């Protein structure tokens, strides 16, 4: 048997490290959003490329369309937006357009040519349906309106007039998306999510540290009671009065040792009764636990193991040994 203060904490430690790395990535992304220009982030690869969420585009032209739809608010319209890699619909108000083209002066014409302006803007790309469980963002009727509008759009027809097949391949029109200009405060959700990702590893690491301290204390208690085990921990297995390697439980001299989901040292003289129970946690399966009762201290709860085949038989065997050989009262709450 190998001494390990991390016994029973490896999975928690793995997820803690994973969330720390995710948090670092999220913080870096938020830092970039605050410190880097839209053009720099665009050139670094954060471009609208058939994916939903916040991204960046290089705006080349805008054309106001006459699409009518119930999803439009009073001050909103749909625009055909030409960007560096193709065409997509934009759902925006006049104020949104000003923000997108970074100018308070909007021409009265329906078509706005911006190819010589070198404008890079942040947008929110919205897919027709993010998943089968979420609401439909673009109905079949609206999608058809998009496609019909594209056929009559001046900037779209002009771009494909020379060689339709090759031009459409180079700069396609995506009718299953539309873009929106992020509203003020739209980053709050991202900041809130980042706080969550920071709190999760904090509590996971706190749990790991707590388990390490507990394991260390249990080992020290063992070494004080039985000094020979500090030099040779394998003696616990060699000279065990009882051992179940699947359950990871053994009895050495006058002590019950559980070494599966952590390291726990219990003097048999320290408890008169044990209750075996189970915890069912959604998404985490079934864990079996033991409560050690005595007349003077608070009952101690110890995780025994996770579920496996024939586990109940092994716990029954352990309970029978404690009852018949050592005179303990044994209860089962499952």
C-alpha atoms as a PDB file:
ATOM      1  CA  UNK A   1       0.000   0.000   0.000  1.00  0.00           C
ATOM      2  CA  UNK A   2       1.360   3.420  -0.962  1.00  0.00           C
ATOM      3  CA  UNK A   3       0.855   6.478   1.206  1.00  0.00           C
ATOM      4  CA  UNK A   4      -0.961   9.206  -0.702  1.00  0.00           C
ATOM      5  CA  UNK A   5      -2.431  12.375   0.737  1.00  0.00           C
ATOM      6  CA  UNK A   6      -4.236  12.820  -2.604  1.00  0.00           C
ATOM      7  CA  UNK A   7      -6.146   9.568  -2.178  1.00  0.00           C
ATOM      8  CA  UNK A   8      -9.766  10.132  -3.214  1.00  0.00           C
ATOM      9  CA  UNK A   9      -9.100  13.629  -4.593  1.00  0.00           C
ATOM     10  CA  UNK A  10      -7.684  12.971  -8.089  1.00  0.00           C
ATOM     11  CA  UNK A  11     -10.959  13.508  -9.954  1.00  0.00           C
ATOM     12  CA  UNK A  12     -11.722  16.718  -8.056  1.00  0.00           C
ATOM     13  CA  UNK A  13      -8.168  17.916  -8.679  1.00  0.00           C
ATOM     14  CA  UNK A  14      -8.500  17.164 -12.406  1.00  0.00           C
ATOM     15  CA  UNK A  15     -11.672  19.255 -12.698  1.00  0.00           C
ATOM     16  CA  UNK A  16     -10.115  22.036 -10.612  1.00  0.00           C
ATOM     17  CA  UNK A  17      -7.153  22.258 -13.017  1.00  0.00           C
ATOM     18  CA  UNK A  18      -9.511  22.080 -16.004  1.00  0.00           C
ATOM     19  CA  UNK A  19     -11.638  24.977 -14.745  1.00  0.00           C
ATOM     20  CA  UNK A  20      -8.525  27.000 -13.869  1.00  0.00           C
ATOM     21  CA  UNK A  21      -7.309  26.651 -17.470  1.00  0.00           C
ATOM     22  CA  UNK A  22     -10.758  27.574 -18.785  1.00  0.00           C
ATOM     23  CA  UNK A  23     -10.828  30.609 -16.494  1.00  0.00           C
ATOM     24  CA  UNK A  24      -7.417  31.734 -17.723  1.00  0.00           C
ATOM     25  CA  UNK A  25      -8.661  31.445 -21.317  1.00  0.00           C
ATOM     26  CA  UNK A  26     -11.816  33.394 -20.470  1.00  0.00           C
ATOM     27  CA  UNK A  27      -9.900  36.144 -18.673  1.00  0.00           C
ATOM     28  CA  UNK A  28      -7.513  36.431 -21.623  1.00  0.00           C
ATOM     29  CA  UNK A  29     -10.456  36.738 -24.014  1.00  0.00           C
ATOM     30  CA  UNK A  30     -12.097  39.464 -21.895  1.00  0.00           C
ATOM     31  CA  UNK A  31      -8.766  41.266 -21.595  1.00  0.00           C
ATOM     32  CA  UNK A  32      -8.329  41.160 -25.380  1.00  0.00           C
ATOM     33  CA  UNK A  33     -11.840  42.572 -25.868  1.00  0.00           C
ATOM     34  CA  UNK A  34     -10.964  45.511 -23.639  1.00  0.00           C
ATOM     35  CA  UNK A  35      -7.430  46.219 -24.835  1.00  0.00           C
ATOM     36  CA  UNK A  36      -7.333  45.207 -28.509  1.00  0.00           C
ATOM     37  CA  UNK A  37      -9.124  46.961 -31.346  1.00  0.00           C
ATOM     38  CA  UNK A  38     -11.743  45.221 -33.483  1.00  0.00           C
ATOM     39  CA  UNK A  39      -9.309  45.258 -36.414  1.00  0.00           C
ATOM     40  CA  UNK A  40      -6.550  43.540 -34.439  1.00  0.00           C
ATOM     41  CA  UNK A  41      -8.892  40.847 -33.108  1.00  0.00           C
ATOM     42  CA  UNK A  42     -10.331  40.334 -36.600  1.00  0.00           C
ATOM     43  CA  UNK A  43      -6.866  39.846 -38.076  1.00  0.00           C
ATOM     44  CA  UNK A  44      -6.008  37.461 -35.243  1.00  0.00           C
ATOM     45  CA  UNK A  45      -8.784  35.171 -36.462  1.00  0.00           C
ATOM     46  CA  UNK A  46     -11.892  36.204 -34.523  1.00  0.00           C
ATOM     47  CA  UNK A  47     -13.979  36.431 -37.690  1.00  0.00           C
ATOM     48  CA  UNK A  48     -17.556  35.543 -38.561  1.00  0.00           C
ATOM     49  CA  UNK A  49     -17.171  32.138 -40.206  1.00  0.00           C
ATOM     50  CA  UNK A  50     -20.442  30.235 -40.018  1.00  0.00           C
ATOM     51  CA  UNK A  51     -20.578  30.122 -36.231  1.00  0.00           C
ATOM     52  CA  UNK A  52     -22.820  31.832 -33.693  1.00  0.00           C
ATOM     53  CA  UNK A  53     -21.839  34.168 -30.879  1.00  0.00           C
ATOM     54  CA  UNK A  54     -19.840  37.367 -30.612  1.00  0.00           C
ATOM     55  CA  UNK A  55     -17.350  37.861 -33.426  1.00  0.00           C
ATOM     56  CA  UNK A  56     -15.902  40.494 -35.760  1.00  0.00           C
ATOM     57  CA  UNK A  57     -16.484  41.476 -39.390  1.00  0.00           C
ATOM     58  CA  UNK A  58     -15.004  43.855 -41.924  1.00  0.00           C
ATOM     59  CA  UNK A  59     -17.958  45.886 -43.220  1.00  0.00           C
ATOM     60  CA  UNK A  60     -17.911  46.610 -46.969  1.00  0.00           C
ATOM     61  CA  UNK A  61     -21.484  47.691 -47.769  1.00  0.00           C
ATOM     62  CA  UNK A  62     -25.004  47.962 -46.352  1.00  0.00           C
ATOM     63  CA  UNK A  63     -28.336  47.952 -48.168  1.00  0.00           C
ATOM     64  CA  UNK A  64     -31.620  48.701 -46.435  1.00  0.00           C
ATOM     65  CA  UNK A  65     -34.293  46.120 -47.336  1.00  0.00           C
ATOM     66  CA  UNK A  66     -38.086  46.201 -47.242  1.00  0.00           C
ATOM     67  CA  UNK A  67     -38.524  42.959 -45.307  1.00  0.00           C
ATOM     68  CA  UNK A  68     -41.532  42.960 -42.970  1.00  0.00           C
ATOM     69  CA  UNK A  69     -41.560  40.599 -40.015  1.00  0.00           C
ATOM     70  CA  UNK A  70     -43.148  40.413 -36.562  1.00  0.00           C
ATOM     71  CA  UNK A  71     -39.711  39.996 -34.973  1.00  0.00           C
ATOM     72  CA  UNK A  72     -38.764  43.551 -35.956  1.00  0.00           C
ATOM     73  CA  UNK A  73     -39.258  46.294 -33.406  1.00  0.00           C
ATOM     74  CA  UNK A  74     -40.611  49.694 -34.476  1.00  0.00           C
ATOM     75  CA  UNK A  75     -37.181  51.178 -35.068  1.00  0.00           C
ATOM     76  CA  UNK A  76     -35.542  48.099 -36.611  1.00  0.00           C
ATOM     77  CA  UNK A  77     -34.981  47.013 -40.193  1.00  0.00           C
ATOM     78  CA  UNK A  78     -33.210  44.229 -42.012  1.00  0.00           C
ATOM     79  CA  UNK A  79     -30.158  45.142 -44.068  1.00  0.00           C
ATOM     80  CA  UNK A  80     -28.134  43.172 -46.579  1.00  0.00           C
ATOM     81  CA  UNK A  81     -24.625  43.361 -45.180  1.00  0.00           C
ATOM     82  CA  UNK A  82     -21.629  42.728 -47.377  1.00  0.00           C
ATOM     83  CA  UNK A  83     -18.507  41.789 -45.468  1.00  0.00           C
ATOM     84  CA  UNK A  84     -15.083  40.602 -46.531  1.00  0.00           C
ATOM     85  CA  UNK A  85     -16.111  36.953 -46.797  1.00  0.00           C
ATOM     86  CA  UNK A  86     -19.674  37.145 -48.078  1.00  0.00           C
ATOM     87  CA  UNK A  87     -23.192  38.354 -47.386  1.00  0.00           C
ATOM     88  CA  UNK A  88     -25.496  38.057 -44.395  1.00  0.00           C
ATOM     89  CA  UNK A  89     -28.568  39.803 -43.019  1.00  0.00           C
ATOM     90  CA  UNK A  90     -28.227  42.503 -40.376  1.00  0.00           C
ATOM     91  CA  UNK A  91     -31.068  43.244 -37.955  1.00  0.00           C
ATOM     92  CA  UNK A  92     -30.540  46.769 -36.676  1.00  0.00           C
ATOM     93  CA  UNK A  93     -31.957  50.161 -35.784  1.00  0.00           C
ATOM     94  CA  UNK A  94     -30.524  53.442 -37.073  1.00  0.00           C
ATOM     95  CA  UNK A  95     -28.529  53.784 -33.861  1.00  0.00           C
ATOM     96  CA  UNK A  96     -27.173  50.269 -34.326  1.00  0.00           C
ATOM     97  CA  UNK A  97     -26.095  51.135 -37.875  1.00  0.00           C
ATOM     98  CA  UNK A  98     -24.257  54.216 -36.577  1.00  0.00           C
ATOM     99  CA  UNK A  99     -22.443  52.032 -34.088  1.00  0.00           C
ATOM    100  CA  UNK A 100     -21.649  49.418 -36.732  1.00  0.00           C
ATOM    101  CA  UNK A 101     -20.199  51.844 -39.279  1.00  0.00           C
ATOM    102  CA  UNK A 102     -18.663  53.983 -36.504  1.00  0.00           C
ATOM    103  CA  UNK A 103     -20.221  57.207 -37.754  1.00  0.00           C
ATOM    104  CA  UNK A 104     -23.114  59.464 -36.802  1.00  0.00           C
ATOM    105  CA  UNK A 105     -23.619  60.477 -40.424  1.00  0.00           C
ATOM    106  CA  UNK A 106     -25.798  57.941 -42.234  1.00  0.00           C
ATOM    107  CA  UNK A 107     -26.444  58.644 -45.928  1.00  0.00           C
ATOM    108  CA  UNK A 108     -30.098  58.941 -46.908  1.00  0.00           C
ATOM    109  CA  UNK A 109     -29.588  56.411 -49.687  1.00  0.00           C
ATOM    110  CA  UNK A 110     -30.634  52.833 -49.037  1.00  0.00           C
ATOM    111  CA  UNK A 111     -27.231  51.590 -50.183  1.00  0.00           C
ATOM    112  CA  UNK A 112     -24.127  52.545 -48.183  1.00  0.00           C
ATOM    113  CA  UNK A 113     -20.764  51.732 -49.774  1.00  0.00           C
ATOM    114  CA  UNK A 114     -18.022  51.357 -47.155  1.00  0.00           C
ATOM    115  CA  UNK A 115     -15.315  49.475 -49.049  1.00  0.00           C
ATOM    116  CA  UNK A 116     -12.837  52.352 -48.777  1.00  0.00           C
ATOM    117  CA  UNK A 117     -13.544  52.996 -45.067  1.00  0.00           C
ATOM    118  CA  UNK A 118     -11.681  49.995 -43.612  1.00  0.00           C
ATOM    119  CA  UNK A 119     -14.351  49.430 -40.914  1.00  0.00           C
ATOM    120  CA  UNK A 120     -14.072  46.521 -38.472  1.00  0.00           C
ATOM    121  CA  UNK A 121     -16.952  45.962 -36.047  1.00  0.00           C
ATOM    122  CA  UNK A 122     -18.036  43.589 -33.323  1.00  0.00           C
ATOM    123  CA  UNK A 123     -21.305  41.763 -33.989  1.00  0.00           C
ATOM    124  CA  UNK A 124     -23.437  39.020 -32.526  1.00  0.00           C
ATOM    125  CA  UNK A 125     -24.009  36.202 -35.019  1.00  0.00           C
ATOM    126  CA  UNK A 126     -27.376  34.519 -34.454  1.00  0.00           C
ATOM    127  CA  UNK A 127     -28.039  31.085 -35.960  1.00  0.00           C
ATOM    128  CA  UNK A 128     -31.542  30.031 -37.006  1.00  0.00           C
ATOM    129  CA  UNK A 129     -31.683  27.586 -34.067  1.00  0.00           C
ATOM    130  CA  UNK A 130     -28.841  27.124 -31.587  1.00  0.00           C
ATOM    131  CA  UNK A 131     -30.072  23.645 -30.608  1.00  0.00           C
ATOM    132  CA  UNK A 132     -33.202  21.553 -30.949  1.00  0.00           C
ATOM    133  CA  UNK A 133     -34.226  22.516 -27.409  1.00  0.00           C
ATOM    134  CA  UNK A 134     -33.962  26.274 -27.941  1.00  0.00           C
ATOM    135  CA  UNK A 135     -36.403  28.603 -29.638  1.00  0.00           C
ATOM    136  CA  UNK A 136     -36.323  29.229 -33.381  1.00  0.00           C
ATOM    137  CA  UNK A 137     -34.503  32.487 -34.145  1.00  0.00           C
ATOM    138  CA  UNK A 138     -35.217  32.429 -37.881  1.00  0.00           C
ATOM    139  CA  UNK A 139     -38.542  30.927 -38.916  1.00  0.00           C
ATOM    140  CA  UNK A 140     -38.868  29.143 -42.298  1.00  0.00           C
ATOM    141  CA  UNK A 141     -40.989  32.090 -43.492  1.00  0.00           C
ATOM    142  CA  UNK A 142     -38.326  34.638 -42.486  1.00  0.00           C
ATOM    143  CA  UNK A 143     -35.592  32.533 -44.043  1.00  0.00           C
ATOM    144  CA  UNK A 144     -37.558  32.519 -47.310  1.00  0.00           C
ATOM    145  CA  UNK A 145     -37.895  36.313 -47.071  1.00  0.00           C
ATOM    146  CA  UNK A 146     -34.110  36.536 -46.659  1.00  0.00           C
ATOM    147  CA  UNK A 147     -33.536  34.437 -49.782  1.00  0.00           C
ATOM    148  CA  UNK A 148     -36.082  36.401 -51.842  1.00  0.00           C
ATOM    149  CA  UNK A 149     -34.567  39.699 -50.710  1.00  0.00           C
ATOM    150  CA  UNK A 150     -31.101  38.487 -51.694  1.00  0.00           C
ATOM    151  CA  UNK A 151     -32.288  37.861 -55.260  1.00  0.00           C
ATOM    152  CA  UNK A 152     -33.325  41.533 -55.550  1.00  0.00           C
ATOM    153  CA  UNK A 153     -30.488  43.039 -53.515  1.00  0.00           C
ATOM    154  CA  UNK A 154     -28.379  45.461 -55.558  1.00  0.00           C
ATOM    155  CA  UNK A 155     -25.085  44.785 -53.784  1.00  0.00           C
ATOM    156  CA  UNK A 156     -25.619  41.020 -53.909  1.00  0.00           C
ATOM    157  CA  UNK A 157     -26.603  40.924 -57.589  1.00  0.00           C
ATOM    158  CA  UNK A 158     -23.727  43.213 -58.508  1.00  0.00           C
ATOM    159  CA  UNK A 159     -21.186  40.946 -56.827  1.00  0.00           C
ATOM    160  CA  UNK A 160     -22.308  37.800 -58.663  1.00  0.00           C
ATOM    161  CA  UNK A 161     -23.169  39.274 -62.055  1.00  0.00           C
ATOM    162  CA  UNK A 162     -19.814  38.483 -63.644  1.00  0.00           C
ATOM    163  CA  UNK A 163     -19.456  34.821 -62.748  1.00  0.00           C
ATOM    164  CA  UNK A 164     -22.267  33.622 -60.506  1.00  0.00           C
ATOM    165  CA  UNK A 165     -21.021  30.176 -59.455  1.00  0.00           C
ATOM    166  CA  UNK A 166     -17.461  31.195 -58.593  1.00  0.00           C
ATOM    167  CA  UNK A 167     -18.517  34.433 -56.878  1.00  0.00           C
ATOM    168  CA  UNK A 168     -21.102  32.680 -54.707  1.00  0.00           C
ATOM    169  CA  UNK A 169     -18.520  30.138 -53.696  1.00  0.00           C
ATOM    170  CA  UNK A 170     -16.040  32.850 -52.744  1.00  0.00           C
ATOM    171  CA  UNK A 171     -18.568  35.129 -51.051  1.00  0.00           C
ATOM    172  CA  UNK A 172     -21.706  33.148 -50.180  1.00  0.00           C
ATOM    173  CA  UNK A 173     -24.954  34.507 -48.791  1.00  0.00           C
ATOM    174  CA  UNK A 174     -25.914  32.812 -45.504  1.00  0.00           C
ATOM    175  CA  UNK A 175     -29.671  32.840 -45.000  1.00  0.00           C
ATOM    176  CA  UNK A 176     -29.539  30.729 -41.836  1.00  0.00           C
ATOM    177  CA  UNK A 177     -27.850  33.538 -39.876  1.00  0.00           C
ATOM    178  CA  UNK A 178     -28.409  37.161 -39.152  1.00  0.00           C
ATOM    179  CA  UNK A 179     -26.149  39.618 -37.362  1.00  0.00           C
ATOM    180  CA  UNK A 180     -27.034  42.039 -34.589  1.00  0.00           C
ATOM    181  CA  UNK A 181     -25.047  44.890 -33.083  1.00  0.00           C
ATOM    182  CA  UNK A 182     -24.232  44.125 -29.413  1.00  0.00           C
ATOM    183  CA  UNK A 183     -26.179  46.360 -27.052  1.00  0.00           C
ATOM    184  CA  UNK A 184     -24.629  48.270 -24.186  1.00  0.00           C
ATOM    185  CA  UNK A 185     -24.096  45.947 -21.245  1.00  0.00           C
ATOM    186  CA  UNK A 186     -24.005  42.806 -23.396  1.00  0.00           C
ATOM    187  CA  UNK A 187     -20.660  41.928 -21.803  1.00  0.00           C
ATOM    188  CA  UNK A 188     -22.274  41.566 -18.379  1.00  0.00           C
ATOM    189  CA  UNK A 189     -23.222  37.966 -19.160  1.00  0.00           C
ATOM    190  CA  UNK A 190     -19.644  37.179 -20.164  1.00  0.00           C
ATOM    191  CA  UNK A 191     -18.313  38.734 -16.952  1.00  0.00           C
ATOM    192  CA  UNK A 192     -20.869  36.833 -14.877  1.00  0.00           C
ATOM    193  CA  UNK A 193     -19.889  33.574 -16.559  1.00  0.00           C
ATOM    194  CA  UNK A 194     -16.228  34.311 -15.901  1.00  0.00           C
ATOM    195  CA  UNK A 195     -16.982  34.885 -12.210  1.00  0.00           C
ATOM    196  CA  UNK A 196     -18.702  31.485 -12.126  1.00  0.00           C
ATOM    197  CA  UNK A 197     -15.701  29.840 -13.788  1.00  0.00           C
ATOM    198  CA  UNK A 198     -13.457  31.456 -11.181  1.00  0.00           C
ATOM    199  CA  UNK A 199     -15.619  30.363  -8.252  1.00  0.00           C
ATOM    200  CA  UNK A 200     -15.877  26.735  -9.386  1.00  0.00           C
ATOM    201  CA  UNK A 201     -12.104  26.016  -9.233  1.00  0.00           C
ATOM    202  CA  UNK A 202     -11.888  28.006  -5.989  1.00  0.00           C
ATOM    203  CA  UNK A 203     -14.350  25.676  -4.262  1.00  0.00           C
ATOM    204  CA  UNK A 204     -12.864  22.587  -5.936  1.00  0.00           C
ATOM    205  CA  UNK A 205      -9.346  23.498  -4.796  1.00  0.00           C
ATOM    206  CA  UNK A 206     -10.711  24.257  -1.333  1.00  0.00           C
ATOM    207  CA  UNK A 207     -12.241  20.758  -1.297  1.00  0.00           C
ATOM    208  CA  UNK A 208      -8.939  19.190  -2.438  1.00  0.00           C
ATOM    209  CA  UNK A 209      -6.999  20.994   0.320  1.00  0.00           C
ATOM    210  CA  UNK A 210      -9.571  19.904   2.909  1.00  0.00           C
ATOM    211  CA  UNK A 211      -9.296  16.257   1.806  1.00  0.00           C
ATOM    212  CA  UNK A 212      -5.479  16.383   1.788  1.00  0.00           C
ATOM    213  CA  UNK A 213      -5.448  17.730   5.344  1.00  0.00           C
ATOM    214  CA  UNK A 214      -7.908  15.059   6.462  1.00  0.00           C
ATOM    215  CA  UNK A 215      -5.899  12.255   4.838  1.00  0.00           C
ATOM    216  CA  UNK A 216      -2.689  13.589   6.417  1.00  0.00           C
ATOM    217  CA  UNK A 217      -4.327  13.691   9.851  1.00  0.00           C
ATOM    218  CA  UNK A 218      -5.636  10.130   9.444  1.00  0.00           C
ATOM    219  CA  UNK A 219      -2.183   8.829   8.430  1.00  0.00           C
ATOM    220  CA  UNK A 220      -0.595  10.583  11.428  1.00  0.00           C
ATOM    221  CA  UNK A 221      -3.171   9.020  13.737  1.00  0.00           C
ATOM    222  CA  UNK A 222      -2.317   5.607  12.285  1.00  0.00           C
ATOM    223  CA  UNK A 223       1.447   6.148  12.697  1.00  0.00           C
ATOM    224  CA  UNK A 224       1.030   7.283  16.314  1.00  0.00           C
ATOM    225  CA  UNK A 225      -1.121   4.261  17.187  1.00  0.00           C
ATOM    226  CA  UNK A 226       0.975   1.757  15.222  1.00  0.00           C
ATOM    227  CA  UNK A 227       4.521   3.176  14.691  1.00  0.00           C
ATOM    228  CA  UNK A 228       5.612   0.153  12.639  1.00  0.00           C
ATOM    229  CA  UNK A 229       3.262   1.197   9.812  1.00  0.00           C
ATOM    230  CA  UNK A 230       5.159   4.454   9.172  1.00  0.00           C
ATOM    231  CA  UNK A 231       8.225   2.497   8.044  1.00  0.00           C
ATOM    232  CA  UNK A 232       6.302  -0.236   6.248  1.00  0.00           C
ATOM    233  CA  UNK A 233       2.750   0.617   5.202  1.00  0.00           C
ATOM    234  CA  UNK A 234       2.371  -2.716   3.408  1.00  0.00           C
ATOM    235  CA  UNK A 235       2.250  -4.416   6.797  1.00  0.00           C
ATOM    236  CA  UNK A 236      -1.397  -3.348   6.912  1.00  0.00           C
ATOM    237  CA  UNK A 237      -2.139  -5.689   4.010  1.00  0.00           C
ATOM    238  CA  UNK A 238       0.222  -8.504   5.019  1.00  0.00           C
ATOM    239  CA  UNK A 239      -1.023  -8.792   8.591  1.00  0.00           C
ATOM    240  CA  UNK A 240      -4.649  -7.755   8.125  1.00  0.00           C
ATOM    241  CA  UNK A 241      -7.217  -9.719  10.118  1.00  0.00           C
ATOM    242  CA  UNK A 242      -9.706  -8.935   7.365  1.00  0.00           C
ATOM    243  CA  UNK A 243      -9.289  -7.376   3.933  1.00  0.00           C
ATOM    244  CA  UNK A 244     -11.510  -6.715   0.925  1.00  0.00           C
ATOM    245  CA  UNK A 245      -9.388  -5.283  -1.890  1.00  0.00           C
ATOM    246  CA  UNK A 246     -12.379  -4.441  -4.088  1.00  0.00           C
ATOM    247  CA  UNK A 247     -14.072  -2.508  -1.310  1.00  0.00           C
ATOM    248  CA  UNK A 248     -10.648  -1.225  -0.166  1.00  0.00           C
ATOM    249  CA  UNK A 249     -11.313  -1.939   3.486  1.00  0.00           C
ATOM    250  CA  UNK A 250      -9.137  -3.826   5.964  1.00  0.00           C
ATOM    251  CA  UNK A 251      -8.894  -4.530   9.675  1.00  0.00           C
ATOM    252  CA  UNK A 252      -5.418  -4.341  11.185  1.00  0.00           C
ATOM    253  CA  UNK A 253      -5.062  -5.237  14.860  1.00  0.00           C
ATOM    254  CA  UNK A 254      -7.713  -3.068  16.576  1.00  0.00           C
ATOM    255  CA  UNK A 255      -8.340  -0.670  13.675  1.00  0.00           C
ATOM    256  CA  UNK A 256     -10.668  -0.461  10.702  1.00  0.00           C
ATOM    257  CA  UNK A 257      -9.022   1.252   7.717  1.00  0.00           C
ATOM    258  CA  UNK A 258     -10.920   2.471   4.648  1.00  0.00           C
ATOM    259  CA  UNK A 259      -8.600   3.541   1.818  1.00  0.00           C
ATOM    260  CA  UNK A 260     -10.767   3.896  -1.298  1.00  0.00           C
ATOM    261  CA  UNK A 261     -12.347   7.384  -1.436  1.00  0.00           C
ATOM    262  CA  UNK A 262      -9.744   8.794   0.920  1.00  0.00           C
ATOM    263  CA  UNK A 263      -7.832   7.409   3.897  1.00  0.00           C
ATOM    264  CA  UNK A 264      -9.785   6.825   7.092  1.00  0.00           C
ATOM    265  CA  UNK A 265      -8.494   5.309  10.326  1.00  0.00           C
ATOM    266  CA  UNK A 266     -11.013   4.060  12.905  1.00  0.00           C
ATOM    267  CA  UNK A 267     -10.096   2.299  16.128  1.00  0.00           C
ATOM    268  CA  UNK A 268     -12.616  -0.485  16.668  1.00  0.00           C
ATOM    269  CA  UNK A 269     -12.800   0.557  20.302  1.00  0.00           C
ATOM    270  CA  UNK A 270     -13.787   4.059  19.164  1.00  0.00           C
ATOM    271  CA  UNK A 271     -17.269   3.177  17.894  1.00  0.00           C
ATOM    272  CA  UNK A 272     -20.058   0.863  18.930  1.00  0.00           C
ATOM    273  CA  UNK A 273     -22.311   1.087  15.911  1.00  0.00           C
ATOM    274  CA  UNK A 274     -21.953   1.606  12.161  1.00  0.00           C
ATOM    275  CA  UNK A 275     -24.648   2.490   9.636  1.00  0.00           C
ATOM    276  CA  UNK A 276     -24.102   1.894   5.926  1.00  0.00           C
ATOM    277  CA  UNK A 277     -26.004   4.199   3.608  1.00  0.00           C
ATOM    278  CA  UNK A 278     -25.839   5.494   0.055  1.00  0.00           C
ATOM    279  CA  UNK A 279     -25.991   8.889  -1.641  1.00  0.00           C
ATOM    280  CA  UNK A 280     -27.533   9.289  -5.076  1.00  0.00           C
ATOM    281  CA  UNK A 281     -26.274  12.413  -6.819  1.00  0.00           C
ATOM    282  CA  UNK A 282     -27.568  13.497 -10.194  1.00  0.00           C
ATOM    283  CA  UNK A 283     -24.868  13.119 -12.814  1.00  0.00           C
ATOM    284  CA  UNK A 284     -22.405  11.606 -10.318  1.00  0.00           C
ATOM    285  CA  UNK A 285     -23.891   8.157  -9.722  1.00  0.00           C
ATOM    286  CA  UNK A 286     -24.202   6.368  -6.389  1.00  0.00           C
ATOM    287  CA  UNK A 287     -21.725   6.626  -3.517  1.00  0.00           C
ATOM    288  CA  UNK A 288     -21.776   4.376  -0.465  1.00  0.00           C
ATOM    289  CA  UNK A 289     -20.970   5.834   2.935  1.00  0.00           C
ATOM    290  CA  UNK A 290     -20.590   4.697   6.525  1.00  0.00           C
ATOM    291  CA  UNK A 291     -21.626   6.499   9.705  1.00  0.00           C
ATOM    292  CA  UNK A 292     -19.603   5.563  12.797  1.00  0.00           C
ATOM    293  CA  UNK A 293     -21.507   6.138  16.046  1.00  0.00           C
ATOM    294  CA  UNK A 294     -20.175   6.443  19.571  1.00  0.00           C
ATOM    295  CA  UNK A 295     -21.539   7.717  22.836  1.00  0.00           C
ATOM    296  CA  UNK A 296     -19.275  10.721  23.297  1.00  0.00           C
ATOM    297  CA  UNK A 297     -18.609  12.366  19.928  1.00  0.00           C
ATOM    298  CA  UNK A 298     -20.532  13.452  16.848  1.00  0.00           C
ATOM    299  CA  UNK A 299     -21.147  10.663  14.353  1.00  0.00           C
ATOM    300  CA  UNK A 300     -18.415  10.499  11.711  1.00  0.00           C
ATOM    301  CA  UNK A 301     -19.393  10.205   8.058  1.00  0.00           C
ATOM    302  CA  UNK A 302     -16.930   8.356   5.813  1.00  0.00           C
ATOM    303  CA  UNK A 303     -17.132   7.778   2.062  1.00  0.00           C
ATOM    304  CA  UNK A 304     -16.533   4.096   1.409  1.00  0.00           C
ATOM    305  CA  UNK A 305     -16.644   3.726  -2.374  1.00  0.00           C
ATOM    306  CA  UNK A 306     -18.589   4.274  -5.577  1.00  0.00           C
ATOM    307  CA  UNK A 307     -20.946   1.698  -6.994  1.00  0.00           C
ATOM    308  CA  UNK A 308     -19.600  -1.447  -8.653  1.00  0.00           C
ATOM    309  CA  UNK A 309     -20.847  -4.952  -9.416  1.00  0.00           C
ATOM    310  CA  UNK A 310     -21.529  -7.072  -6.303  1.00  0.00           C
ATOM    311  CA  UNK A 311     -20.804  -4.100  -4.033  1.00  0.00           C
ATOM    312  CA  UNK A 312     -23.763  -4.881  -1.784  1.00  0.00           C
ATOM    313  CA  UNK A 313     -22.410  -8.367  -1.129  1.00  0.00           C
ATOM    314  CA  UNK A 314     -19.029  -6.907  -0.129  1.00  0.00           C
ATOM    315  CA  UNK A 315     -20.644  -4.411   2.265  1.00  0.00           C
ATOM    316  CA  UNK A 316     -22.798  -7.186   3.727  1.00  0.00           C
ATOM    317  CA  UNK A 317     -19.635  -9.243   4.278  1.00  0.00           C
ATOM    318  CA  UNK A 318     -17.894  -6.331   6.018  1.00  0.00           C
ATOM    319  CA  UNK A 319     -20.950  -5.688   8.182  1.00  0.00           C
ATOM    320  CA  UNK A 320     -21.167  -9.363   9.111  1.00  0.00           C
ATOM    321  CA  UNK A 321     -17.478  -9.376  10.120  1.00  0.00           C
ATOM    322  CA  UNK A 322     -17.877  -6.271  12.280  1.00  0.00           C
ATOM    323  CA  UNK A 323     -20.970  -7.708  13.932  1.00  0.00           C
ATOM    324  CA  UNK A 324     -19.976 -11.337  14.515  1.00  0.00           C
ATOM    325  CA  UNK A 325     -16.232 -10.975  15.106  1.00  0.00           C
ATOM    326  CA  UNK A 326     -16.019  -7.609  16.841  1.00  0.00           C
ATOM    327  CA  UNK A 327     -19.487  -7.261  18.376  1.00  0.00           C
ATOM    328  CA  UNK A 328     -20.518  -4.063  16.609  1.00  0.00           C
ATOM    329  CA  UNK A 329     -24.099  -3.060  15.882  1.00  0.00           C
ATOM    330  CA  UNK A 330     -24.568  -2.822  12.116  1.00  0.00           C
ATOM    331  CA  UNK A 331     -27.421  -1.172  10.196  1.00  0.00           C
ATOM    332  CA  UNK A 332     -28.119  -0.827   6.473  1.00  0.00           C
ATOM    333  CA  UNK A 333     -30.179   2.060   5.087  1.00  0.00           C
ATOM    334  CA  UNK A 334     -30.544   0.731   1.552  1.00  0.00           C
END
